Amino acid sequence: MKKLIEEFKKTVVFLGKIDHEGKPQFYATGFLVSVQNIYHLLTAKHVVVDMKTGELQDDEMLAFFNSKDGGISSRSIKDIKRTSGVNWIFHRNAEVDIAIIPFGLDLQKDDVKVIPDDLFLLPDSLFELYDVFFLSYQPGVKFQKRVVPIIRSGTISIINEDKTFHVDASAFPGNSGSPIFLKPSPIRFDDKGISIGVDQLGGKFVGIIGEYIPYQEVAISTQTGRPRVIFEENTGLSKVWSVSFIREILKSSAFDEQLNKLVKK
């Protein structure tokens, strides 16, 4: 399990920019996958697009990751788009909170890993009460010389008809775009019964963290009986966009067209 976690940590990048003091300032999470031997960066759509205006907000965005010399390297999204002639690809449904872009790597210098296609697990194989974990950047945790994602674990609470699901695992700003995996288990159940000892699903990639689910409490004035203040709290549930949505993007004509251009170069 330890080796598995260390491998998955290396798939995670922190998204952010350089502040006025020349230091990295992180604000979101992304991760790396391999599609037909082309490396790609995935994150939540709302990290790169202003969801109110629909405008891209990635001009200053950098992806930070570890280098094999022991430090932190970064790559400019703007430079990638300009030099490679690529752009973010989104789902045809504008509500789907996923963004993907090709991402060049130098495997001689970059201390990173990618999630391969064969680790993708569709939601048809998932059941409520399965344990999961995700890896993220977390505001408030200080990172100095290395990109070190925190790990949160939880349980699938509900699988929705639209192929999203919710997990009983708190997410916070900064966790958006995190990859989520099935936790290995010696006991696994499905629609055929219970298997003990051999777990063929543990460690599979099952989706991407979108957002936490809030709830609101309203403070009522004792004098007027009218609402005065609304308090918003984190329910401890987080929304996950399943691998189904990522697969749909990967099968889209826009993604295919961009991928073909890269393959021909």
Foldseek 3Di string as FASTA:
>chain_A
DVVLVVQQQQQKWFKAAQDPVRHTDGFAIWGWAADPNFIKIKFWQVVQAVPVVRDGDQQGMWTWADWPVQAIDIDRPVVCCVVLVWDWFAFPPPVGTMIMITDDDDVVITSHDHHYPVLADACVFDDWFFKKKWWWDDPPDDDDGGRGTDMWIFTFHDQDPVRKTKTLADDDGRHGHIWMATADDQWDADPVGIHGRDDPRHSRTWFTWHFFDKDWDFDADPVPRHTDDIDIDGPSMTMTRTCVRVVSRCPDPSNVVSVVSVVVD
